[in-house]
N, C-alpha and C. Protein backbone atom coordinates (compact mmCIF):
# COMPACT_ATOMS: atom_id res chain seq x y z
N MET A 1 0.72 -1.21 -0.11
CA MET A 1 -0.19 0.59 -0.10
C MET A 1 1.04 1.11 0.12
N ARG A 2 0.69 2.00 -1.22
CA ARG A 2 1.57 3.14 -0.86
C ARG A 2 0.90 4.36 -0.45
N ARG A 3 1.11 5.28 0.65
CA ARG A 3 0.18 6.23 1.21
C ARG A 3 1.00 7.68 0.07
N ILE A 4 -0.45 8.04 -0.36
CA ILE A 4 -0.51 9.56 -0.94
C ILE A 4 -0.98 10.80 -0.13
N ILE A 5 -0.07 11.54 -0.38
CA ILE A 5 -0.04 12.75 1.09
C ILE A 5 -1.56 13.44 0.19
N PRO A 6 -2.10 13.63 1.70
CA PRO A 6 -3.76 14.42 1.02
C PRO A 6 -2.93 15.97 1.00
N LYS A 7 -4.42 16.22 0.47
CA LYS A 7 -4.29 18.05 0.05
C LYS A 7 -4.79 18.55 1.13
N ILE A 8 -4.42 19.79 1.65
CA ILE A 8 -4.53 20.56 2.59
C ILE A 8 -5.11 21.70 2.01
N LYS A 9 -6.12 22.22 2.18
CA LYS A 9 -6.82 23.45 1.86
C LYS A 9 -5.74 24.65 1.83
N GLY A 10 -5.68 25.46 0.79
CA GLY A 10 -4.77 26.90 1.43
C GLY A 10 -3.55 26.55 0.57
N TYR A 11 -2.59 25.07 0.44
CA TYR A 11 -1.38 24.97 0.98
C TYR A 11 -1.15 23.94 -0.60
N THR A 12 0.14 24.41 -0.75
CA THR A 12 0.55 22.99 -2.01
C THR A 12 0.96 22.29 -1.07
N LYS A 13 0.92 20.67 -1.80
CA LYS A 13 1.39 19.67 -1.28
C LYS A 13 3.35 19.71 -1.22
N VAL A 14 3.86 20.50 -1.69
CA VAL A 14 5.08 21.12 -1.59
C VAL A 14 5.35 21.91 -0.72
N GLN A 15 4.23 22.82 -0.24
CA GLN A 15 4.86 23.87 1.04
C GLN A 15 4.24 23.00 2.52
N VAL A 16 3.24 21.88 2.69
CA VAL A 16 3.42 21.19 3.31
C VAL A 16 4.57 20.54 3.76
N LEU A 17 5.25 19.78 2.83
CA LEU A 17 6.23 18.81 2.57
C LEU A 17 7.17 19.86 3.32
N SER A 18 7.56 20.86 2.78
CA SER A 18 8.61 21.47 2.94
C SER A 18 8.63 22.27 4.71
N PHE A 19 7.49 22.39 4.96
CA PHE A 19 7.21 22.91 6.17
C PHE A 19 7.45 21.86 7.16
N VAL A 20 7.30 20.35 7.38
CA VAL A 20 7.25 19.65 8.11
C VAL A 20 8.98 19.37 8.10
N LYS A 21 9.61 19.22 7.10
CA LYS A 21 11.02 19.04 6.59
C LYS A 21 12.25 20.10 7.74
N MET A 22 11.39 21.09 7.14
CA MET A 22 11.98 22.14 8.07
C MET A 22 12.02 21.75 9.56
N ARG A 23 10.68 21.69 9.73
CA ARG A 23 10.48 21.46 11.20
C ARG A 23 11.12 20.13 11.67
N ILE A 24 11.28 19.59 11.06
CA ILE A 24 12.15 18.09 11.87
C ILE A 24 13.71 18.24 11.77
N LYS A 25 14.27 19.23 10.78
CA LYS A 25 15.50 19.49 10.93
C LYS A 25 15.87 20.63 11.82
N SER A 26 15.72 21.99 12.51
CA SER A 26 15.33 22.49 13.02
C SER A 26 14.71 22.29 14.78
N ASN A 27 14.12 21.11 14.61
CA ASN A 27 13.55 21.18 15.90
C ASN A 27 13.77 19.88 16.54
N PRO A 28 14.23 19.64 17.65
CA PRO A 28 14.71 18.28 18.07
C PRO A 28 13.51 17.86 18.57
N THR A 29 12.71 18.46 19.16
CA THR A 29 11.36 18.02 19.79
C THR A 29 10.36 17.07 18.53
N TRP A 30 10.49 17.82 17.04
CA TRP A 30 9.93 17.48 16.19
C TRP A 30 10.90 16.52 15.41
N ALA A 31 12.22 15.80 15.40
CA ALA A 31 12.50 15.08 15.10
C ALA A 31 12.30 14.03 15.99
N THR A 32 12.42 13.93 17.39
CA THR A 32 12.20 12.74 18.54
C THR A 32 10.78 12.11 18.08
N ARG A 33 9.87 12.80 17.66
CA ARG A 33 8.33 12.42 17.78
C ARG A 33 7.90 12.13 16.43
N ALA A 34 8.92 12.62 15.61
CA ALA A 34 8.51 12.02 14.33
C ALA A 34 9.14 10.54 14.23
N CYS A 35 10.28 10.20 15.37
CA CYS A 35 11.11 9.13 14.89
C CYS A 35 10.31 8.00 15.54
N VAL A 36 9.56 8.38 17.07
CA VAL A 36 8.97 7.62 17.73
C VAL A 36 7.49 7.40 16.80
N THR A 37 6.75 8.13 16.28
CA THR A 37 5.83 7.77 15.25
C THR A 37 5.82 7.01 14.28
N ILE A 38 7.27 7.25 13.56
CA ILE A 38 7.23 5.95 12.64
C ILE A 38 7.47 4.79 13.04
N TYR A 39 8.19 5.14 13.93
CA TYR A 39 8.73 3.59 14.79
C TYR A 39 7.55 2.73 14.96
N ASN A 40 6.33 3.23 15.30
CA ASN A 40 4.80 2.90 15.78
C ASN A 40 4.55 2.47 14.63
N GLN A 41 4.79 2.95 13.30
CA GLN A 41 4.32 2.19 12.19
C GLN A 41 4.31 1.25 11.94
N GLN A 42 5.59 0.73 12.22
CA GLN A 42 6.45 -0.54 12.44
C GLN A 42 5.85 -1.79 12.59
N THR A 43 6.00 -2.96 12.00
CA THR A 43 5.15 -4.23 12.19
C THR A 43 6.23 -4.33 13.17
N LEU A 44 4.99 -5.59 14.53
CA LEU A 44 6.00 -6.10 15.94
C LEU A 44 7.43 -6.57 15.06
N ALA A 45 7.16 -7.73 14.12
CA ALA A 45 8.33 -8.21 14.26
C ALA A 45 9.77 -7.06 13.27
N GLU A 46 9.33 -6.43 12.58
CA GLU A 46 10.37 -5.15 12.20
C GLU A 46 10.64 -4.50 13.45
N LYS A 47 9.75 -4.13 14.73
CA LYS A 47 10.19 -3.49 16.12
C LYS A 47 11.37 -4.48 16.85
N ARG A 48 11.01 -5.73 16.63
CA ARG A 48 11.80 -6.66 17.51
C ARG A 48 13.12 -6.86 16.51
N ALA A 49 13.58 -7.05 15.50
CA ALA A 49 14.71 -7.07 14.84
C ALA A 49 15.16 -5.77 14.23
N HIS A 50 14.40 -4.54 14.39
CA HIS A 50 15.37 -3.44 14.47
C HIS A 50 15.66 -3.41 12.89
N LEU A 51 14.77 -4.04 12.31
CA LEU A 51 14.74 -4.19 10.64
C LEU A 51 13.99 -3.78 9.82
N SER A 52 13.82 -3.75 8.69
CA SER A 52 13.13 -3.55 7.58
C SER A 52 12.49 -4.72 6.97
N ILE A 53 11.66 -5.30 7.36
CA ILE A 53 11.20 -7.03 6.94
C ILE A 53 10.18 -6.73 5.39
N GLY A 54 10.33 -7.21 5.06
CA GLY A 54 9.46 -8.29 3.68
C GLY A 54 9.40 -6.59 2.85
N GLY A 55 8.03 -6.44 2.15
CA GLY A 55 8.26 -5.90 1.19
C GLY A 55 7.83 -4.42 1.20
N TYR A 56 7.49 -3.52 0.67
CA TYR A 56 7.27 -1.78 0.65
C TYR A 56 5.68 -1.88 1.05
N ASN A 57 5.35 -1.13 2.37
CA ASN A 57 4.34 -1.31 2.73
C ASN A 57 3.94 -0.19 3.04
N GLY A 58 4.94 1.07 2.65
CA GLY A 58 4.49 2.74 2.63
C GLY A 58 4.54 3.05 4.41
N CYS A 59 4.89 1.93 5.35
CA CYS A 59 4.92 2.22 6.49
C CYS A 59 6.54 2.07 7.76
N GLY A 60 7.04 2.77 7.90
CA GLY A 60 8.23 2.52 8.88
C GLY A 60 9.34 3.01 8.41
N PHE A 61 10.68 2.54 8.48
CA PHE A 61 11.65 3.18 8.37
C PHE A 61 12.25 2.33 6.79
N SER A 62 12.99 2.91 6.28
CA SER A 62 13.58 2.39 5.11
C SER A 62 14.62 1.17 5.45
N ARG A 63 14.48 0.50 4.86
CA ARG A 63 15.79 -1.07 4.95
C ARG A 63 17.39 -0.39 5.53
N THR A 64 17.72 0.96 4.95
CA THR A 64 19.21 1.29 5.33
C THR A 64 19.12 1.86 6.83
N ASP A 65 17.66 2.42 6.90
CA ASP A 65 17.70 3.56 8.29
C ASP A 65 17.04 2.59 9.32
N ALA A 66 16.61 1.81 9.24
CA ALA A 66 15.78 1.03 10.12
C ALA A 66 16.60 0.30 11.60
N PRO A 67 17.59 0.04 11.52
CA PRO A 67 18.54 -0.40 12.16
C PRO A 67 19.04 0.62 13.29
N ILE A 68 19.26 1.79 12.99
CA ILE A 68 19.33 3.10 13.20
C ILE A 68 18.44 3.91 13.94
N LEU A 69 17.67 3.84 13.60
CA LEU A 69 16.55 4.92 13.82
C LEU A 69 15.23 3.96 14.74
N SER A 70 15.62 2.44 14.53
CA SER A 70 15.01 1.72 15.73
C SER A 70 15.49 1.56 16.72
N ASN A 71 16.74 1.95 17.01
CA ASN A 71 17.75 2.10 18.25
C ASN A 71 17.32 3.69 19.25
N LEU A 72 17.35 4.45 17.98
CA LEU A 72 17.00 5.74 18.03
C LEU A 72 15.63 5.99 19.19
N ALA A 73 15.05 5.49 18.52
CA ALA A 73 13.36 5.17 18.68
C ALA A 73 13.23 4.78 19.87
N CYS A 74 14.08 3.46 20.35
CA CYS A 74 13.82 2.49 21.83
C CYS A 74 14.48 3.96 22.74
N LYS A 75 15.49 4.47 22.41
CA LYS A 75 16.07 4.99 23.34
C LYS A 75 15.47 6.37 23.71
N ALA A 76 14.54 6.87 22.58
CA ALA A 76 13.78 8.54 23.16
C ALA A 76 12.46 7.43 23.78
N ASN A 77 11.82 6.64 23.37
CA ASN A 77 10.68 6.30 24.52
C ASN A 77 11.43 5.83 26.06
N GLN A 78 12.86 5.73 26.47
CA GLN A 78 13.38 5.47 27.46
C GLN A 78 14.04 6.98 28.20
N HIS A 79 13.86 8.17 27.32
CA HIS A 79 14.40 9.71 27.71
C HIS A 79 15.77 9.28 27.62
N ARG A 80 16.65 8.32 27.00
CA ARG A 80 18.03 8.53 27.28
C ARG A 80 18.71 9.06 25.78
N LEU A 81 18.43 9.96 25.02
CA LEU A 81 18.95 10.20 23.64
C LEU A 81 19.73 11.51 23.78
N THR A 82 21.12 11.40 23.26
CA THR A 82 21.72 12.34 23.60
C THR A 82 21.97 13.11 22.74
N LEU A 83 22.72 14.11 22.63
CA LEU A 83 22.90 14.88 21.77
C LEU A 83 23.22 14.64 20.25
N GLU A 84 23.91 13.78 20.28
CA GLU A 84 24.49 13.63 19.22
C GLU A 84 23.07 12.54 18.37
N ASP A 85 22.32 11.68 19.53
CA ASP A 85 21.50 10.99 18.48
C ASP A 85 20.23 11.82 18.15
N VAL A 86 20.12 13.01 18.60
CA VAL A 86 18.97 14.10 18.28
C VAL A 86 19.50 14.73 16.82
N ASN A 87 20.94 14.90 16.98
CA ASN A 87 21.52 15.31 15.60
C ASN A 87 21.37 14.29 14.65
N GLN A 88 21.73 13.23 14.81
CA GLN A 88 20.99 12.01 14.20
C GLN A 88 19.55 12.05 13.28
N LEU A 89 18.79 11.85 14.34
CA LEU A 89 17.53 12.07 14.19
C LEU A 89 17.23 13.35 13.25
N GLN A 90 17.81 14.73 13.13
CA GLN A 90 17.59 15.54 12.69
C GLN A 90 17.94 15.84 10.98
N HIS A 91 18.74 14.82 11.30
CA HIS A 91 19.63 14.58 9.87
C HIS A 91 19.13 13.27 9.20
N ARG A 92 18.51 12.29 9.76
CA ARG A 92 17.48 11.39 9.13
C ARG A 92 16.03 11.09 8.84
N MET A 93 15.24 12.31 9.59
CA MET A 93 14.21 11.63 9.62
C MET A 93 13.46 12.71 8.74
N PRO A 94 13.71 13.69 8.11
CA PRO A 94 13.07 14.77 6.98
C PRO A 94 12.73 13.95 5.84
N LYS A 95 13.19 12.72 5.62
CA LYS A 95 13.10 11.88 4.81
C LYS A 95 11.63 11.57 4.33
N TYR A 96 11.10 11.54 5.68
CA TYR A 96 9.75 10.72 6.37
C TYR A 96 8.39 11.78 6.55
N ALA A 97 8.66 13.01 6.18
CA ALA A 97 7.77 13.86 6.11
C ALA A 97 6.36 13.44 5.51
N GLY A 98 6.70 12.66 4.27
CA GLY A 98 5.44 11.86 3.77
C GLY A 98 4.85 11.49 4.36
N GLN A 99 4.97 10.26 4.97
CA GLN A 99 4.71 9.50 5.87
C GLN A 99 3.88 10.11 7.16
N LEU A 100 4.85 11.06 8.05
CA LEU A 100 4.23 11.96 8.72
C LEU A 100 3.01 12.23 8.79
N ILE A 101 2.72 13.20 7.36
CA ILE A 101 1.73 13.86 7.18
C ILE A 101 0.49 12.36 6.85
N CYS A 102 0.74 11.99 6.32
CA CYS A 102 -0.42 10.83 6.21
C CYS A 102 -0.75 10.18 7.57
N ILE A 103 0.48 10.16 8.13
CA ILE A 103 -0.28 9.85 9.65
C ILE A 103 -0.80 10.83 10.35
N MET A 104 -0.56 12.04 10.42
CA MET A 104 -1.72 13.09 10.98
C MET A 104 -2.90 13.06 10.31
N HIS A 105 -2.88 12.89 8.92
CA HIS A 105 -4.27 13.37 8.32
C HIS A 105 -5.44 11.75 8.84
N ALA A 106 -4.93 11.16 8.94
CA ALA A 106 -5.06 9.60 9.50
C ALA A 106 -5.74 9.84 10.73
N LYS A 107 -5.15 10.86 11.61
CA LYS A 107 -5.62 11.10 13.32
C LYS A 107 -6.54 12.32 13.18
N ASP A 108 -6.80 12.96 11.79
CA ASP A 108 -7.01 14.37 11.97
C ASP A 108 -6.34 15.21 12.54
N LYS A 109 -4.79 15.27 12.61
CA LYS A 109 -4.29 16.09 12.86
C LYS A 109 -3.63 17.26 11.93
N CYS A 110 -3.95 17.20 11.00
CA CYS A 110 -3.90 18.09 9.65
C CYS A 110 -4.19 19.60 9.95
N LYS A 111 -5.20 19.46 10.48
CA LYS A 111 -6.46 20.94 10.91
C LYS A 111 -5.44 21.49 11.61
N LYS A 112 -4.91 21.00 12.86
CA LYS A 112 -4.17 21.40 14.08
C LYS A 112 -2.76 22.44 13.03
N LEU A 113 -2.34 21.17 12.22
CA LEU A 113 -1.19 21.81 11.74
C LEU A 113 -1.23 22.76 10.62
N LYS A 114 -2.36 22.67 10.14
CA LYS A 114 -3.24 23.72 9.04
C LYS A 114 -2.96 25.09 9.90
N GLU A 115 -4.08 25.30 10.93
CA GLU A 115 -4.54 26.16 11.96
C GLU A 115 -3.06 26.84 12.80
N ASP A 116 -2.62 26.14 13.02
CA ASP A 116 -0.92 26.29 14.47
C ASP A 116 0.01 26.53 13.35
N HIS A 117 0.59 25.73 12.55
CA HIS A 117 1.42 25.90 12.14
C HIS A 117 1.67 26.62 10.77
N LEU A 118 1.03 26.12 9.65
CA LEU A 118 1.45 26.24 7.91
C LEU A 118 0.93 27.84 8.10
N LYS A 119 -0.04 28.58 8.82
CA LYS A 119 -0.63 29.31 8.91
C LYS A 119 0.62 30.66 9.65
N LYS A 120 1.53 30.37 10.99
CA LYS A 120 1.77 31.16 11.10
C LYS A 120 3.40 31.07 10.51
N TYR A 121 3.16 29.97 9.58
CA TYR A 121 4.95 30.31 9.04
C TYR A 121 4.76 30.85 7.38
N TYR A 122 3.73 30.49 6.33
CA TYR A 122 3.37 31.10 5.34
C TYR A 122 2.77 31.99 5.30
N LYS A 123 1.56 32.55 5.97
CA LYS A 123 0.85 33.84 6.33
C LYS A 123 1.08 34.92 7.01
N TRP A 124 2.46 35.09 7.55
CA TRP A 124 2.42 36.23 8.25
C TRP A 124 3.36 37.12 7.53
N LYS A 125 2.30 38.40 7.87
CA LYS A 125 3.09 39.60 7.17
C LYS A 125 4.47 39.99 7.51
N GLN A 126 5.16 40.60 6.64
CA GLN A 126 6.56 40.88 6.83
C GLN A 126 6.51 42.44 6.99
N ALA A 127 7.28 43.00 7.91
CA ALA A 127 7.13 44.17 8.07
C ALA A 127 7.67 45.31 7.01
N ASP A 128 6.92 46.34 6.50
CA ASP A 128 7.44 46.97 5.26
C ASP A 128 8.80 47.42 5.71
N LEU A 129 9.94 47.22 4.76
CA LEU A 129 11.15 47.44 4.66
C LEU A 129 11.36 48.61 3.80
N PRO A 130 12.56 49.82 4.47
CA PRO A 130 12.53 51.26 4.11
C PRO A 130 13.35 50.73 2.86
N PHE A 131 13.76 49.42 2.16
CA PHE A 131 14.66 49.62 0.97
C PHE A 131 13.76 48.61 0.06
């Protein structure tokens, strides 16, 4: 099953993806929560093995990221992440922005994303500059 990024009224898919990627790269809390959320999408076998098992189902980590990010998700659940771990999350997690948007949409959190975050980021007015 391939996930399709839903339309969010008033914004293009590129704007929504760019915003989520930017937030993950710049905010340790977003990166950590993103990792734990994607980890929770994996099957029980994938969680136990810290691997991506089976074919492409559109859920969980990629085959190359699964060992590292599964370990970091477990550390995040135990509140044991180091600064290096958080940097690793901020570097690796932006590629999962599409999955995260689909998860938000399924849980009806896209409304909150639109109202709280996207509006503040894309609709704010910049002060008139003298030049």
